[in-house]
Amino acid sequence: MNVKFIIPQETDLPELYDVECRAHRYPWSYQLLASNFGDRYINGALCLDGKIIGFYIADSLLDESTLMNICVDPAWQGHGYGKLLLNHYLTQTTTQGCTQWWLEVRRSNTTAQNLYLQLGYQQAGVRKNYYKSGDHHEDALVMQRVLA
């Protein structure tokens, strides 16, 4: 299988949105996804045999970057592609001078939390009732990674 990273373009939005909808119970809207392209954003996508199977969206300001979205198509989860995407993001932003990274993750998403911990993130706080989960809300864990 041929795996490669691309910088997604706006023409890739329909494919990104399809992955977003399959990967998340409460996906971003197409409009929100589309609004995260431009100079301040650092976006990457992972292609397998020419088809996008995962992506990340982040922003950057000075020496900090915030990972706003990362997902892998459920058909390809559990094969290490999330870790590949996260490592790609960290490499790209380190090259651009970032020394601090931030993200938020659902309290219930222990799989993602474990991945973030493996790659040097630490819990820095909690945002109460941050995520909508049906009729209720769920806390977000705020995680930070600092270049050693």
N, C-alpha and C. Protein backbone atom coordinates (compact mmCIF):
# COMPACT_ATOMS: atom_id res chain seq x y z
N MET A 1 0.84 -1.18 0.00
CA MET A 1 0.00 0.00 0.00
C MET A 1 0.88 1.24 0.00
N ASN A 2 0.47 2.22 -0.77
CA ASN A 2 1.22 3.45 -0.92
C ASN A 2 0.66 4.52 0.02
N VAL A 3 1.45 4.90 1.05
CA VAL A 3 1.04 5.89 2.03
C VAL A 3 1.84 7.16 1.81
N LYS A 4 1.16 8.31 1.75
CA LYS A 4 1.88 9.58 1.64
C LYS A 4 1.07 10.69 2.28
N PHE A 5 1.80 11.74 2.68
CA PHE A 5 1.18 12.92 3.26
C PHE A 5 1.03 13.99 2.19
N ILE A 6 -0.08 14.72 2.28
CA ILE A 6 -0.29 15.87 1.40
C ILE A 6 -0.73 17.06 2.26
N ILE A 7 -0.58 18.23 1.70
CA ILE A 7 -1.19 19.42 2.30
C ILE A 7 -2.53 19.57 1.59
N PRO A 8 -3.62 19.34 2.32
CA PRO A 8 -4.93 19.37 1.64
C PRO A 8 -5.27 20.76 1.13
N GLN A 9 -5.93 20.79 0.02
CA GLN A 9 -6.39 22.03 -0.60
C GLN A 9 -7.90 22.11 -0.46
N GLU A 10 -8.44 23.26 -0.76
CA GLU A 10 -9.90 23.41 -0.67
C GLU A 10 -10.62 22.44 -1.60
N THR A 11 -9.98 22.02 -2.68
CA THR A 11 -10.59 21.04 -3.58
C THR A 11 -10.73 19.67 -2.92
N ASP A 12 -9.99 19.45 -1.82
CA ASP A 12 -10.07 18.19 -1.08
C ASP A 12 -11.18 18.20 -0.04
N LEU A 13 -11.86 19.33 0.14
CA LEU A 13 -12.87 19.46 1.20
C LEU A 13 -13.94 18.37 1.18
N PRO A 14 -14.52 18.03 0.03
CA PRO A 14 -15.54 16.96 0.06
C PRO A 14 -15.01 15.65 0.64
N GLU A 15 -13.78 15.28 0.27
CA GLU A 15 -13.20 14.04 0.78
C GLU A 15 -12.88 14.15 2.27
N LEU A 16 -12.35 15.30 2.69
CA LEU A 16 -12.07 15.54 4.12
C LEU A 16 -13.36 15.48 4.92
N TYR A 17 -14.40 16.10 4.40
CA TYR A 17 -15.68 16.13 5.10
C TYR A 17 -16.27 14.72 5.24
N ASP A 18 -16.12 13.90 4.22
CA ASP A 18 -16.59 12.52 4.31
C ASP A 18 -15.88 11.77 5.44
N VAL A 19 -14.56 11.96 5.54
CA VAL A 19 -13.80 11.32 6.62
C VAL A 19 -14.26 11.87 7.96
N GLU A 20 -14.42 13.19 8.05
CA GLU A 20 -14.88 13.84 9.29
C GLU A 20 -16.21 13.25 9.75
N CYS A 21 -17.14 13.10 8.84
CA CYS A 21 -18.47 12.58 9.20
C CYS A 21 -18.43 11.12 9.63
N ARG A 22 -17.56 10.34 9.02
CA ARG A 22 -17.45 8.93 9.42
C ARG A 22 -16.72 8.77 10.74
N ALA A 23 -15.77 9.68 11.03
CA ALA A 23 -14.89 9.52 12.19
C ALA A 23 -15.47 10.08 13.48
N HIS A 24 -16.36 11.06 13.39
CA HIS A 24 -16.84 11.73 14.59
C HIS A 24 -18.35 11.59 14.75
N ARG A 25 -18.77 11.33 15.96
CA ARG A 25 -20.21 11.25 16.25
C ARG A 25 -20.86 12.62 16.09
N TYR A 26 -20.13 13.67 16.42
CA TYR A 26 -20.60 15.05 16.26
C TYR A 26 -19.60 15.79 15.38
N PRO A 27 -19.67 15.58 14.07
CA PRO A 27 -18.65 16.15 13.17
C PRO A 27 -18.78 17.67 13.03
N TRP A 28 -17.67 18.27 12.63
CA TRP A 28 -17.69 19.67 12.25
C TRP A 28 -18.60 19.83 11.04
N SER A 29 -19.18 21.00 10.89
CA SER A 29 -19.96 21.28 9.69
C SER A 29 -19.01 21.47 8.50
N TYR A 30 -19.55 21.34 7.32
CA TYR A 30 -18.74 21.56 6.11
C TYR A 30 -18.20 22.99 6.12
N GLN A 31 -19.02 23.95 6.55
CA GLN A 31 -18.60 25.35 6.57
C GLN A 31 -17.46 25.57 7.56
N LEU A 32 -17.54 24.95 8.74
CA LEU A 32 -16.46 25.09 9.72
C LEU A 32 -15.17 24.48 9.19
N LEU A 33 -15.28 23.32 8.60
CA LEU A 33 -14.10 22.68 8.02
C LEU A 33 -13.49 23.58 6.95
N ALA A 34 -14.32 24.12 6.09
CA ALA A 34 -13.84 24.99 5.01
C ALA A 34 -13.20 26.27 5.53
N SER A 35 -13.61 26.73 6.68
CA SER A 35 -13.07 27.99 7.22
C SER A 35 -11.67 27.82 7.81
N ASN A 36 -11.18 26.60 7.87
CA ASN A 36 -9.87 26.33 8.48
C ASN A 36 -8.78 26.09 7.45
N PHE A 37 -8.79 26.91 6.41
CA PHE A 37 -7.75 26.91 5.40
C PHE A 37 -7.23 28.34 5.28
N GLY A 38 -5.95 28.50 5.07
CA GLY A 38 -5.36 29.82 4.94
C GLY A 38 -3.98 29.86 5.58
N ASP A 39 -3.38 31.03 5.58
CA ASP A 39 -2.00 31.18 6.01
C ASP A 39 -1.73 30.77 7.45
N ARG A 40 -2.68 31.00 8.34
CA ARG A 40 -2.41 30.71 9.76
C ARG A 40 -2.62 29.23 10.12
N TYR A 41 -3.12 28.45 9.17
CA TYR A 41 -3.42 27.05 9.46
C TYR A 41 -2.32 26.11 8.96
N ILE A 42 -2.15 25.05 9.69
CA ILE A 42 -1.22 23.99 9.33
C ILE A 42 -2.07 22.73 9.20
N ASN A 43 -2.30 22.32 7.98
CA ASN A 43 -3.17 21.18 7.73
C ASN A 43 -2.39 20.08 7.02
N GLY A 44 -2.74 18.86 7.33
CA GLY A 44 -2.11 17.73 6.67
C GLY A 44 -3.13 16.62 6.49
N ALA A 45 -2.89 15.82 5.48
CA ALA A 45 -3.77 14.68 5.22
C ALA A 45 -2.91 13.48 4.88
N LEU A 46 -3.40 12.32 5.25
CA LEU A 46 -2.73 11.06 4.97
C LEU A 46 -3.52 10.34 3.89
N CYS A 47 -2.82 10.00 2.81
CA CYS A 47 -3.45 9.30 1.69
C CYS A 47 -2.94 7.87 1.63
N LEU A 48 -3.83 6.97 1.38
CA LEU A 48 -3.51 5.57 1.20
C LEU A 48 -3.98 5.20 -0.20
N ASP A 49 -3.03 4.85 -1.05
CA ASP A 49 -3.34 4.54 -2.45
C ASP A 49 -4.16 5.65 -3.10
N GLY A 50 -3.80 6.91 -2.79
CA GLY A 50 -4.42 8.06 -3.42
C GLY A 50 -5.72 8.54 -2.79
N LYS A 51 -6.18 7.87 -1.75
CA LYS A 51 -7.44 8.25 -1.10
C LYS A 51 -7.15 8.77 0.29
N ILE A 52 -7.74 9.92 0.66
CA ILE A 52 -7.54 10.49 1.98
C ILE A 52 -8.22 9.60 3.02
N ILE A 53 -7.41 9.17 4.02
CA ILE A 53 -7.98 8.32 5.08
C ILE A 53 -7.91 9.01 6.45
N GLY A 54 -7.25 10.16 6.51
CA GLY A 54 -7.16 10.89 7.77
C GLY A 54 -6.58 12.27 7.54
N PHE A 55 -6.77 13.13 8.52
CA PHE A 55 -6.25 14.49 8.39
C PHE A 55 -6.13 15.15 9.75
N TYR A 56 -5.42 16.27 9.77
CA TYR A 56 -5.37 17.13 10.95
C TYR A 56 -5.51 18.58 10.51
N ILE A 57 -6.01 19.38 11.42
CA ILE A 57 -6.14 20.82 11.23
C ILE A 57 -5.60 21.48 12.49
N ALA A 58 -4.69 22.42 12.30
CA ALA A 58 -4.09 23.12 13.43
C ALA A 58 -3.87 24.57 13.05
N ASP A 59 -3.67 25.39 14.07
CA ASP A 59 -3.24 26.76 13.80
C ASP A 59 -1.95 27.01 14.56
N SER A 60 -1.34 28.13 14.25
CA SER A 60 -0.05 28.44 14.84
C SER A 60 0.04 29.94 15.06
N LEU A 61 0.59 30.31 16.20
CA LEU A 61 0.84 31.71 16.51
C LEU A 61 2.14 31.77 17.29
N LEU A 62 3.10 32.48 16.74
CA LEU A 62 4.43 32.59 17.34
C LEU A 62 5.02 31.19 17.54
N ASP A 63 5.29 30.80 18.79
CA ASP A 63 5.91 29.49 19.02
C ASP A 63 4.93 28.45 19.53
N GLU A 64 3.63 28.71 19.39
CA GLU A 64 2.61 27.77 19.86
C GLU A 64 1.73 27.30 18.72
N SER A 65 1.29 26.07 18.82
CA SER A 65 0.34 25.52 17.86
C SER A 65 -0.77 24.80 18.62
N THR A 66 -1.97 24.92 18.11
CA THR A 66 -3.12 24.23 18.68
C THR A 66 -3.68 23.26 17.64
N LEU A 67 -3.74 22.00 18.02
CA LEU A 67 -4.36 20.97 17.18
C LEU A 67 -5.86 21.06 17.39
N MET A 68 -6.58 21.43 16.36
CA MET A 68 -8.02 21.65 16.49
C MET A 68 -8.85 20.44 16.07
N ASN A 69 -8.29 19.62 15.18
CA ASN A 69 -9.03 18.45 14.71
C ASN A 69 -8.02 17.46 14.16
N ILE A 70 -8.24 16.21 14.49
CA ILE A 70 -7.45 15.13 13.91
C ILE A 70 -8.38 13.92 13.85
N CYS A 71 -8.38 13.24 12.72
CA CYS A 71 -9.23 12.06 12.63
C CYS A 71 -8.73 11.10 11.56
N VAL A 72 -9.09 9.86 11.76
CA VAL A 72 -8.79 8.78 10.82
C VAL A 72 -10.11 8.09 10.51
N ASP A 73 -10.32 7.80 9.25
CA ASP A 73 -11.52 7.07 8.84
C ASP A 73 -11.63 5.80 9.69
N PRO A 74 -12.81 5.53 10.24
CA PRO A 74 -12.96 4.34 11.10
C PRO A 74 -12.50 3.04 10.46
N ALA A 75 -12.60 2.94 9.16
CA ALA A 75 -12.15 1.71 8.48
C ALA A 75 -10.64 1.50 8.61
N TRP A 76 -9.91 2.57 8.93
CA TRP A 76 -8.45 2.51 9.02
C TRP A 76 -7.93 2.78 10.42
N GLN A 77 -8.81 2.91 11.40
CA GLN A 77 -8.37 3.13 12.77
C GLN A 77 -7.76 1.86 13.34
N GLY A 78 -6.83 2.03 14.28
CA GLY A 78 -6.19 0.89 14.91
C GLY A 78 -5.00 0.34 14.16
N HIS A 79 -4.55 1.05 13.11
CA HIS A 79 -3.41 0.61 12.31
C HIS A 79 -2.21 1.55 12.43
N GLY A 80 -2.28 2.49 13.39
CA GLY A 80 -1.16 3.40 13.59
C GLY A 80 -1.20 4.66 12.76
N TYR A 81 -2.26 4.86 11.99
CA TYR A 81 -2.33 6.05 11.13
C TYR A 81 -2.54 7.33 11.93
N GLY A 82 -3.24 7.26 13.05
CA GLY A 82 -3.39 8.43 13.91
C GLY A 82 -2.05 8.90 14.45
N LYS A 83 -1.22 7.95 14.84
CA LYS A 83 0.12 8.28 15.34
C LYS A 83 0.97 8.88 14.22
N LEU A 84 0.86 8.33 13.02
CA LEU A 84 1.58 8.91 11.87
C LEU A 84 1.15 10.35 11.63
N LEU A 85 -0.16 10.60 11.67
CA LEU A 85 -0.66 11.96 11.47
C LEU A 85 -0.15 12.90 12.56
N LEU A 86 -0.23 12.47 13.81
CA LEU A 86 0.21 13.33 14.92
C LEU A 86 1.70 13.60 14.83
N ASN A 87 2.50 12.60 14.52
CA ASN A 87 3.94 12.81 14.35
C ASN A 87 4.23 13.77 13.20
N HIS A 88 3.47 13.65 12.12
CA HIS A 88 3.65 14.56 10.98
C HIS A 88 3.35 16.00 11.39
N TYR A 89 2.27 16.18 12.11
CA TYR A 89 1.90 17.51 12.62
C TYR A 89 3.00 18.08 13.52
N LEU A 90 3.49 17.27 14.44
CA LEU A 90 4.53 17.75 15.37
C LEU A 90 5.82 18.10 14.62
N THR A 91 6.18 17.30 13.63
CA THR A 91 7.37 17.58 12.83
C THR A 91 7.20 18.87 12.03
N GLN A 92 6.04 19.02 11.38
CA GLN A 92 5.78 20.23 10.58
C GLN A 92 5.86 21.49 11.44
N THR A 93 5.24 21.44 12.60
CA THR A 93 5.19 22.63 13.44
C THR A 93 6.53 22.89 14.14
N THR A 94 7.27 21.86 14.47
CA THR A 94 8.61 22.05 15.04
C THR A 94 9.51 22.74 14.02
N THR A 95 9.42 22.31 12.77
CA THR A 95 10.19 22.93 11.69
C THR A 95 9.86 24.42 11.56
N GLN A 96 8.62 24.77 11.86
CA GLN A 96 8.19 26.17 11.76
C GLN A 96 8.48 26.96 13.04
N GLY A 97 9.14 26.34 14.02
CA GLY A 97 9.56 27.05 15.21
C GLY A 97 8.68 26.89 16.43
N CYS A 98 7.72 26.00 16.39
CA CYS A 98 6.86 25.81 17.56
C CYS A 98 7.60 25.05 18.65
N THR A 99 7.35 25.46 19.89
CA THR A 99 7.94 24.80 21.04
C THR A 99 6.87 24.40 22.06
N GLN A 100 5.62 24.78 21.79
CA GLN A 100 4.50 24.41 22.66
C GLN A 100 3.31 24.00 21.79
N TRP A 101 2.63 22.95 22.23
CA TRP A 101 1.48 22.44 21.49
C TRP A 101 0.32 22.24 22.45
N TRP A 102 -0.87 22.56 21.98
CA TRP A 102 -2.09 22.46 22.78
C TRP A 102 -3.14 21.67 22.02
N LEU A 103 -4.02 21.03 22.77
CA LEU A 103 -5.19 20.38 22.18
C LEU A 103 -6.23 20.16 23.27
N GLU A 104 -7.44 19.86 22.83
CA GLU A 104 -8.52 19.46 23.72
C GLU A 104 -9.02 18.11 23.25
N VAL A 105 -9.39 17.27 24.20
CA VAL A 105 -9.86 15.92 23.87
C VAL A 105 -11.01 15.57 24.81
N ARG A 106 -12.00 14.88 24.28
CA ARG A 106 -13.11 14.45 25.12
C ARG A 106 -12.60 13.58 26.27
N ARG A 107 -13.17 13.79 27.43
CA ARG A 107 -12.79 12.99 28.60
C ARG A 107 -12.97 11.49 28.32
N SER A 108 -13.99 11.15 27.52
CA SER A 108 -14.28 9.73 27.24
C SER A 108 -13.35 9.13 26.18
N ASN A 109 -12.58 9.94 25.49
CA ASN A 109 -11.74 9.44 24.39
C ASN A 109 -10.36 9.01 24.92
N THR A 110 -10.37 7.89 25.64
CA THR A 110 -9.13 7.43 26.26
C THR A 110 -8.11 6.94 25.24
N THR A 111 -8.57 6.45 24.10
CA THR A 111 -7.64 6.00 23.06
C THR A 111 -6.79 7.17 22.59
N ALA A 112 -7.43 8.30 22.29
CA ALA A 112 -6.69 9.49 21.87
C ALA A 112 -5.81 10.01 22.99
N GLN A 113 -6.32 10.03 24.20
CA GLN A 113 -5.52 10.51 25.33
C GLN A 113 -4.24 9.70 25.47
N ASN A 114 -4.34 8.38 25.33
CA ASN A 114 -3.15 7.53 25.43
C ASN A 114 -2.14 7.84 24.34
N LEU A 115 -2.61 8.10 23.13
CA LEU A 115 -1.72 8.48 22.04
C LEU A 115 -1.02 9.79 22.37
N TYR A 116 -1.77 10.77 22.83
CA TYR A 116 -1.17 12.07 23.16
C TYR A 116 -0.14 11.92 24.27
N LEU A 117 -0.43 11.13 25.27
CA LEU A 117 0.53 10.90 26.36
C LEU A 117 1.80 10.23 25.84
N GLN A 118 1.65 9.27 24.92
CA GLN A 118 2.82 8.60 24.32
C GLN A 118 3.74 9.59 23.63
N LEU A 119 3.16 10.64 23.06
CA LEU A 119 3.94 11.60 22.28
C LEU A 119 4.27 12.86 23.07
N GLY A 120 4.20 12.78 24.39
CA GLY A 120 4.72 13.85 25.23
C GLY A 120 3.75 14.88 25.73
N TYR A 121 2.46 14.72 25.47
CA TYR A 121 1.47 15.66 26.00
C TYR A 121 1.20 15.34 27.47
N GLN A 122 0.82 16.36 28.22
CA GLN A 122 0.42 16.22 29.61
C GLN A 122 -0.90 16.96 29.79
N GLN A 123 -1.73 16.49 30.69
CA GLN A 123 -2.98 17.21 30.97
C GLN A 123 -2.65 18.52 31.68
N ALA A 124 -3.22 19.62 31.18
CA ALA A 124 -2.97 20.94 31.75
C ALA A 124 -4.21 21.55 32.37
N GLY A 125 -5.38 20.98 32.11
CA GLY A 125 -6.61 21.52 32.66
C GLY A 125 -7.83 20.81 32.13
N VAL A 126 -9.00 21.33 32.51
CA VAL A 126 -10.28 20.77 32.09
C VAL A 126 -11.20 21.91 31.70
N ARG A 127 -11.90 21.75 30.59
CA ARG A 127 -12.96 22.67 30.20
C ARG A 127 -14.27 21.93 30.46
N LYS A 128 -14.99 22.38 31.46
CA LYS A 128 -16.25 21.73 31.87
C LYS A 128 -17.31 21.88 30.77
N ASN A 129 -18.00 20.78 30.49
CA ASN A 129 -19.14 20.78 29.56
C ASN A 129 -18.80 21.38 28.20
N TYR A 130 -17.63 21.13 27.72
CA TYR A 130 -17.13 21.76 26.48
C TYR A 130 -17.74 21.16 25.22
N TYR A 131 -17.84 19.84 25.19
CA TYR A 131 -18.34 19.15 24.00
C TYR A 131 -19.81 18.78 24.16
N LYS A 132 -20.55 18.96 23.08
CA LYS A 132 -21.94 18.51 23.07
C LYS A 132 -21.94 17.00 22.83
N SER A 133 -22.72 16.30 23.61
CA SER A 133 -22.85 14.84 23.47
C SER A 133 -24.33 14.50 23.56
N GLY A 134 -25.04 14.64 22.47
CA GLY A 134 -26.47 14.38 22.48
C GLY A 134 -27.19 15.41 23.33
N ASP A 135 -27.91 14.93 24.35
CA ASP A 135 -28.67 15.83 25.22
C ASP A 135 -27.84 16.39 26.36
N HIS A 136 -26.61 15.96 26.49
CA HIS A 136 -25.77 16.46 27.58
C HIS A 136 -24.44 16.96 27.01
N HIS A 137 -23.58 17.40 27.88
CA HIS A 137 -22.27 17.90 27.48
C HIS A 137 -21.18 17.09 28.17
N GLU A 138 -20.00 17.12 27.59
CA GLU A 138 -18.88 16.35 28.11
C GLU A 138 -17.68 17.27 28.30
N ASP A 139 -16.92 17.01 29.35
CA ASP A 139 -15.72 17.79 29.61
C ASP A 139 -14.67 17.55 28.54
N ALA A 140 -13.85 18.58 28.33
CA ALA A 140 -12.67 18.45 27.49
C ALA A 140 -11.44 18.50 28.39
N LEU A 141 -10.52 17.61 28.17
CA LEU A 141 -9.23 17.68 28.84
C LEU A 141 -8.33 18.54 27.97
N VAL A 142 -7.72 19.54 28.56
CA VAL A 142 -6.77 20.39 27.86
C VAL A 142 -5.40 19.76 28.07
N MET A 143 -4.71 19.52 26.96
CA MET A 143 -3.40 18.88 27.04
C MET A 143 -2.36 19.77 26.37
N GLN A 144 -1.15 19.74 26.94
CA GLN A 144 -0.06 20.56 26.44
C GLN A 144 1.19 19.70 26.27
N ARG A 145 1.96 20.04 25.27
CA ARG A 145 3.26 19.42 25.04
C ARG A 145 4.26 20.55 24.92
N VAL A 146 5.39 20.44 25.58
CA VAL A 146 6.41 21.48 25.56
C VAL A 146 7.71 20.84 25.08
N LEU A 147 8.40 21.51 24.15
CA LEU A 147 9.67 20.99 23.65
C LEU A 147 10.66 20.95 24.80
N ALA A 148 11.27 19.80 25.00
CA ALA A 148 12.23 19.62 26.10
C ALA A 148 13.53 20.33 25.80
